[in-house]
PDB file of N, CA and C in Angstrom:
ATOM      1  N   MET A   1      -4.788 -19.783  32.300  1.00  0.00           N
ATOM      2  CA  MET A   1      -5.357 -18.827  33.174  1.00  0.00           C
ATOM      3  C   MET A   1      -5.196 -19.235  34.663  1.00  0.00           C
ATOM      4  N   ILE A   2      -4.007 -19.689  34.991  1.00  0.00           N
ATOM      5  CA  ILE A   2      -3.660 -20.166  36.296  1.00  0.00           C
ATOM      6  C   ILE A   2      -3.695 -18.934  37.298  1.00  0.00           C
ATOM      7  N   HIS A   3      -3.343 -17.750  36.804  1.00  0.00           N
ATOM      8  CA  HIS A   3      -3.314 -16.571  37.683  1.00  0.00           C
ATOM      9  C   HIS A   3      -4.646 -16.170  38.238  1.00  0.00           C
ATOM     10  N   LEU A   4      -5.721 -16.657  37.725  1.00  0.00           N
ATOM     11  CA  LEU A   4      -7.042 -16.341  38.303  1.00  0.00           C
ATOM     12  C   LEU A   4      -7.246 -16.995  39.622  1.00  0.00           C
ATOM     13  N   LYS A   5      -6.569 -18.055  39.879  1.00  0.00           N
ATOM     14  CA  LYS A   5      -6.797 -18.897  41.132  1.00  0.00           C
ATOM     15  C   LYS A   5      -5.625 -18.768  42.070  1.00  0.00           C
ATOM     16  N   TRP A   6      -4.698 -17.866  41.872  1.00  0.00           N
ATOM     17  CA  TRP A   6      -3.496 -17.764  42.746  1.00  0.00           C
ATOM     18  C   TRP A   6      -3.862 -17.373  44.241  1.00  0.00           C
ATOM     19  N   GLU A   7      -4.944 -16.537  44.340  1.00  0.00           N
ATOM     20  CA  GLU A   7      -5.319 -16.130  45.642  1.00  0.00           C
ATOM     21  C   GLU A   7      -5.751 -17.326  46.499  1.00  0.00           C
ATOM     22  N   ASP A   8      -6.369 -18.342  45.915  1.00  0.00           N
ATOM     23  CA  ASP A   8      -6.787 -19.567  46.650  1.00  0.00           C
ATOM     24  C   ASP A   8      -5.802 -20.638  46.682  1.00  0.00           C
ATOM     25  N   ARG A   9      -4.618 -20.445  46.140  1.00  0.00           N
ATOM     26  CA  ARG A   9      -3.610 -21.561  46.155  1.00  0.00           C
ATOM     27  C   ARG A   9      -2.984 -21.672  47.507  1.00  0.00           C
ATOM     28  N   LYS A  10      -2.355 -22.867  47.715  1.00  0.00           N
ATOM     29  CA  LYS A  10      -1.587 -23.073  48.974  1.00  0.00           C
ATOM     30  C   LYS A  10      -0.447 -22.166  48.973  1.00  0.00           C
ATOM     31  N   THR A  11       0.016 -21.680  50.127  1.00  0.00           N
ATOM     32  CA  THR A  11       1.149 -20.775  50.336  1.00  0.00           C
ATOM     33  C   THR A  11       2.416 -21.617  50.103  1.00  0.00           C
ATOM     34  N   ILE A  12       3.358 -21.062  49.260  1.00  0.00           N
ATOM     35  CA  ILE A  12       4.600 -21.889  49.006  1.00  0.00           C
ATOM     36  C   ILE A  12       5.586 -21.584  50.165  1.00  0.00           C
ATOM     37  N   LYS A  13       5.719 -20.347  50.571  1.00  0.00           N
ATOM     38  CA  LYS A  13       6.598 -20.040  51.672  1.00  0.00           C
ATOM     39  C   LYS A  13       6.247 -18.599  52.100  1.00  0.00           C
ATOM     40  N   THR A  14       6.854 -18.167  53.197  1.00  0.00           N
ATOM     41  CA  THR A  14       6.523 -16.842  53.743  1.00  0.00           C
ATOM     42  C   THR A  14       7.951 -16.124  53.670  1.00  0.00           C
ATOM     43  N   ILE A  15       7.858 -14.878  53.176  1.00  0.00           N
ATOM     44  CA  ILE A  15       9.001 -14.032  53.032  1.00  0.00           C
ATOM     45  C   ILE A  15       8.794 -12.624  53.771  1.00  0.00           C
ATOM     46  N   LYS A  16       9.943 -11.947  54.110  1.00  0.00           N
ATOM     47  CA  LYS A  16       9.894 -10.738  54.794  1.00  0.00           C
ATOM     48  C   LYS A  16      10.290  -9.530  53.834  1.00  0.00           C
ATOM     49  N   CYS A  17       9.485  -8.537  53.929  1.00  0.00           N
ATOM     50  CA  CYS A  17       9.845  -7.339  53.088  1.00  0.00           C
ATOM     51  C   CYS A  17      10.910  -6.505  53.757  1.00  0.00           C
ATOM     52  N   VAL A  18      11.972  -6.256  53.031  1.00  0.00           N
ATOM     53  CA  VAL A  18      13.048  -5.474  53.630  1.00  0.00           C
ATOM     54  C   VAL A  18      13.084  -4.019  53.189  1.00  0.00           C
ATOM     55  N   HIS A  19      12.408  -3.652  52.088  1.00  0.00           N
ATOM     56  CA  HIS A  19      12.306  -2.258  51.715  1.00  0.00           C
ATOM     57  C   HIS A  19      11.182  -2.046  50.707  1.00  0.00           C
ATOM     58  N   ALA A  20      10.769  -0.857  50.579  1.00  0.00           N
ATOM     59  CA  ALA A  20       9.643  -0.487  49.563  1.00  0.00           C
ATOM     60  C   ALA A  20      10.168   0.679  48.798  1.00  0.00           C
ATOM     61  N   ASP A  21      11.375   0.816  48.530  1.00  0.00           N
ATOM     62  CA  ASP A  21      11.969   1.905  47.777  1.00  0.00           C
ATOM     63  C   ASP A  21      12.152   1.582  46.346  1.00  0.00           C
ATOM     64  N   ALA A  22      11.198   2.048  45.510  1.00  0.00           N
ATOM     65  CA  ALA A  22      11.242   1.731  44.060  1.00  0.00           C
ATOM     66  C   ALA A  22      11.601   2.941  43.345  1.00  0.00           C
ATOM     67  N   LYS A  23      12.434   2.675  42.178  1.00  0.00           N
ATOM     68  CA  LYS A  23      12.790   3.814  41.340  1.00  0.00           C
ATOM     69  C   LYS A  23      11.759   4.261  40.374  1.00  0.00           C
ATOM     70  N   LYS A  24      10.986   3.281  39.825  1.00  0.00           N
ATOM     71  CA  LYS A  24      10.025   3.572  38.764  1.00  0.00           C
ATOM     72  C   LYS A  24       8.637   3.499  39.240  1.00  0.00           C
ATOM     73  N   PHE A  25       8.310   2.669  40.121  1.00  0.00           N
ATOM     74  CA  PHE A  25       6.871   2.291  40.485  1.00  0.00           C
ATOM     75  C   PHE A  25       6.526   2.693  41.888  1.00  0.00           C
ATOM     76  N   VAL A  26       5.223   2.809  42.085  1.00  0.00           N
ATOM     77  CA  VAL A  26       4.757   3.118  43.503  1.00  0.00           C
ATOM     78  C   VAL A  26       4.565   1.725  44.173  1.00  0.00           C
ATOM     79  N   VAL A  27       5.374   1.519  45.150  1.00  0.00           N
ATOM     80  CA  VAL A  27       5.379   0.189  45.842  1.00  0.00           C
ATOM     81  C   VAL A  27       5.105   0.441  47.360  1.00  0.00           C
ATOM     82  N   HIS A  28       5.339   1.634  47.873  1.00  0.00           N
ATOM     83  CA  HIS A  28       5.180   1.844  49.296  1.00  0.00           C
ATOM     84  C   HIS A  28       3.773   1.743  49.737  1.00  0.00           C
ATOM     85  N   ASN A  29       2.704   1.831  48.854  1.00  0.00           N
ATOM     86  CA  ASN A  29       1.293   1.622  49.415  1.00  0.00           C
ATOM     87  C   ASN A  29       1.041   0.157  49.428  1.00  0.00           C
ATOM     88  N   LYS A  30       1.783  -0.670  48.778  1.00  0.00           N
ATOM     89  CA  LYS A  30       1.456  -2.080  48.674  1.00  0.00           C
ATOM     90  C   LYS A  30       2.315  -3.063  49.573  1.00  0.00           C
ATOM     91  N   LEU A  31       3.453  -2.524  49.972  1.00  0.00           N
ATOM     92  CA  LEU A  31       4.353  -3.275  50.815  1.00  0.00           C
ATOM     93  C   LEU A  31       4.709  -2.505  52.008  1.00  0.00           C
ATOM     94  N   THR A  32       4.893  -3.235  53.148  1.00  0.00           N
ATOM     95  CA  THR A  32       5.427  -2.685  54.448  1.00  0.00           C
ATOM     96  C   THR A  32       6.580  -3.278  54.779  1.00  0.00           C
ATOM     97  N   PRO A  33       7.760  -2.509  54.850  1.00  0.00           N
ATOM     98  CA  PRO A  33       8.989  -3.093  55.315  1.00  0.00           C
ATOM     99  C   PRO A  33       8.808  -3.742  56.734  1.00  0.00           C
ATOM    100  N   GLY A  34       9.406  -4.930  56.840  1.00  0.00           N
ATOM    101  CA  GLY A  34       9.372  -5.697  58.177  1.00  0.00           C
ATOM    102  C   GLY A  34       8.221  -6.630  58.193  1.00  0.00           C
ATOM    103  N   LYS A  35       7.203  -6.522  57.337  1.00  0.00           N
ATOM    104  CA  LYS A  35       5.997  -7.396  57.332  1.00  0.00           C
ATOM    105  C   LYS A  35       6.354  -8.722  56.590  1.00  0.00           C
ATOM    106  N   MET A  36       5.626  -9.724  57.123  1.00  0.00           N
ATOM    107  CA  MET A  36       5.848 -11.093  56.497  1.00  0.00           C
ATOM    108  C   MET A  36       4.697 -11.251  55.451  1.00  0.00           C
ATOM    109  N   TYR A  37       4.956 -11.820  54.289  1.00  0.00           N
ATOM    110  CA  TYR A  37       3.961 -11.975  53.256  1.00  0.00           C
ATOM    111  C   TYR A  37       4.047 -13.427  52.773  1.00  0.00           C
ATOM    112  N   ASP A  38       2.816 -13.965  52.364  1.00  0.00           N
ATOM    113  CA  ASP A  38       2.678 -15.379  51.802  1.00  0.00           C
ATOM    114  C   ASP A  38       3.014 -15.320  50.397  1.00  0.00           C
ATOM    115  N   VAL A  39       3.846 -16.202  49.860  1.00  0.00           N
ATOM    116  CA  VAL A  39       4.134 -16.365  48.484  1.00  0.00           C
ATOM    117  C   VAL A  39       3.201 -17.402  47.918  1.00  0.00           C
ATOM    118  N   LYS A  40       2.496 -16.963  46.899  1.00  0.00           N
ATOM    119  CA  LYS A  40       1.603 -17.881  46.184  1.00  0.00           C
ATOM    120  C   LYS A  40       2.147 -18.439  44.888  1.00  0.00           C
ATOM    121  N   ASN A  41       3.097 -17.727  44.272  1.00  0.00           N
ATOM    122  CA  ASN A  41       3.748 -18.190  43.055  1.00  0.00           C
ATOM    123  C   ASN A  41       5.162 -17.548  43.006  1.00  0.00           C
ATOM    124  N   GLU A  42       6.072 -18.143  42.295  1.00  0.00           N
ATOM    125  CA  GLU A  42       7.360 -17.498  42.205  1.00  0.00           C
ATOM    126  C   GLU A  42       7.944 -17.815  40.817  1.00  0.00           C
ATOM    127  N   THR A  43       8.624 -16.833  40.237  1.00  0.00           N
ATOM    128  CA  THR A  43       9.326 -17.045  38.955  1.00  0.00           C
ATOM    129  C   THR A  43      10.783 -16.587  39.346  1.00  0.00           C
ATOM    130  N   GLU A  44      11.658 -16.577  38.193  1.00  0.00           N
ATOM    131  CA  GLU A  44      13.134 -16.255  38.455  1.00  0.00           C
ATOM    132  C   GLU A  44      13.290 -14.873  38.932  1.00  0.00           C
ATOM    133  N   GLU A  45      12.379 -13.905  38.617  1.00  0.00           N
ATOM    134  CA  GLU A  45      12.572 -12.551  38.982  1.00  0.00           C
ATOM    135  C   GLU A  45      11.535 -11.958  39.926  1.00  0.00           C
ATOM    136  N   PHE A  46      10.390 -12.611  40.027  1.00  0.00           N
ATOM    137  CA  PHE A  46       9.301 -12.117  40.861  1.00  0.00           C
ATOM    138  C   PHE A  46       8.733 -13.078  41.781  1.00  0.00           C
ATOM    139  N   TYR A  47       8.243 -12.441  42.970  1.00  0.00           N
ATOM    140  CA  TYR A  47       7.341 -13.200  43.828  1.00  0.00           C
ATOM    141  C   TYR A  47       5.873 -12.680  43.640  1.00  0.00           C
ATOM    142  N   PHE A  48       4.972 -13.575  43.686  1.00  0.00           N
ATOM    143  CA  PHE A  48       3.580 -13.146  43.613  1.00  0.00           C
ATOM    144  C   PHE A  48       2.930 -13.448  45.006  1.00  0.00           C
ATOM    145  N   ILE A  49       2.580 -12.327  45.621  1.00  0.00           N
ATOM    146  CA  ILE A  49       2.145 -12.390  46.995  1.00  0.00           C
ATOM    147  C   ILE A  49       0.800 -11.724  47.192  1.00  0.00           C
ATOM    148  N   ILE A  50       0.144 -11.971  48.389  1.00  0.00           N
ATOM    149  CA  ILE A  50      -1.014 -11.164  48.796  1.00  0.00           C
ATOM    150  C   ILE A  50      -0.441  -9.916  49.474  1.00  0.00           C
ATOM    151  N   ASP A  51      -0.632  -8.803  48.782  1.00  0.00           N
ATOM    152  CA  ASP A  51      -0.032  -7.579  49.239  1.00  0.00           C
ATOM    153  C   ASP A  51      -1.005  -6.879  50.290  1.00  0.00           C
ATOM    154  N   ASN A  52      -0.683  -5.553  50.629  1.00  0.00           N
ATOM    155  CA  ASN A  52      -1.499  -4.890  51.621  1.00  0.00           C
ATOM    156  C   ASN A  52      -2.936  -4.567  51.126  1.00  0.00           C
ATOM    157  N   SER A  53      -3.160  -4.725  49.828  1.00  0.00           N
ATOM    158  CA  SER A  53      -4.579  -4.480  49.323  1.00  0.00           C
ATOM    159  C   SER A  53      -5.396  -5.734  49.364  1.00  0.00           C
ATOM    160  N   ASN A  54      -4.788  -6.864  49.903  1.00  0.00           N
ATOM    161  CA  ASN A  54      -5.361  -8.174  49.965  1.00  0.00           C
ATOM    162  C   ASN A  54      -5.692  -8.740  48.604  1.00  0.00           C
ATOM    163  N   ARG A  55      -4.888  -8.481  47.651  1.00  0.00           N
ATOM    164  CA  ARG A  55      -4.961  -8.995  46.250  1.00  0.00           C
ATOM    165  C   ARG A  55      -3.590  -9.417  45.920  1.00  0.00           C
ATOM    166  N   ILE A  56      -3.522 -10.272  44.940  1.00  0.00           N
ATOM    167  CA  ILE A  56      -2.233 -10.796  44.408  1.00  0.00           C
ATOM    168  C   ILE A  56      -1.449  -9.633  43.682  1.00  0.00           C
ATOM    169  N   GLY A  57      -0.166  -9.512  44.070  1.00  0.00           N
ATOM    170  CA  GLY A  57       0.642  -8.589  43.316  1.00  0.00           C
ATOM    171  C   GLY A  57       1.989  -9.243  42.995  1.00  0.00           C
ATOM    172  N   GLY A  58       2.566  -8.884  41.909  1.00  0.00           N
ATOM    173  CA  GLY A  58       3.926  -9.412  41.560  1.00  0.00           C
ATOM    174  C   GLY A  58       4.988  -8.398  41.830  1.00  0.00           C
ATOM    175  N   PHE A  59       5.905  -8.709  42.653  1.00  0.00           N
ATOM    176  CA  PHE A  59       7.042  -7.805  43.030  1.00  0.00           C
ATOM    177  C   PHE A  59       8.414  -8.512  42.776  1.00  0.00           C
ATOM    178  N   ARG A  60       9.384  -7.624  42.458  1.00  0.00           N
ATOM    179  CA  ARG A  60      10.746  -8.123  42.229  1.00  0.00           C
ATOM    180  C   ARG A  60      11.277  -8.703  43.534  1.00  0.00           C
ATOM    181  N   LYS A  61      12.158  -9.660  43.360  1.00  0.00           N
ATOM    182  CA  LYS A  61      12.669 -10.424  44.564  1.00  0.00           C
ATOM    183  C   LYS A  61      13.564  -9.558  45.445  1.00  0.00           C
ATOM    184  N   ASP A  62      14.070  -8.370  44.851  1.00  0.00           N
ATOM    185  CA  ASP A  62      15.012  -7.611  45.747  1.00  0.00           C
ATOM    186  C   ASP A  62      14.337  -6.750  46.793  1.00  0.00           C
ATOM    187  N   TYR A  63      12.977  -6.779  46.890  1.00  0.00           N
ATOM    188  CA  TYR A  63      12.226  -6.172  47.944  1.00  0.00           C
ATOM    189  C   TYR A  63      12.159  -7.054  49.179  1.00  0.00           C
ATOM    190  N   PHE A  64      12.499  -8.366  49.091  1.00  0.00           N
ATOM    191  CA  PHE A  64      12.366  -9.338  50.056  1.00  0.00           C
ATOM    192  C   PHE A  64      13.585 -10.039  50.513  1.00  0.00           C
ATOM    193  N   LYS A  65      13.539 -10.684  51.574  1.00  0.00           N
ATOM    194  CA  LYS A  65      14.627 -11.472  52.174  1.00  0.00           C
ATOM    195  C   LYS A  65      14.274 -12.889  52.421  1.00  0.00           C
TER     196      LYS A  65
END
């Protein structure tokens, strides 16, 4: 249940959002292109960040640079 404490974890790195154009999901209300986000956890395919709702969200890596 490590995901329950991700908001309190140390930031791994900071990444920049490059776009919020998703084909299947609504992402534009959670990400702002050009904004920097703190990465709390990372997998091969996803970054887990504090998004615009001030909660942890998992987003595909292709939204970031």
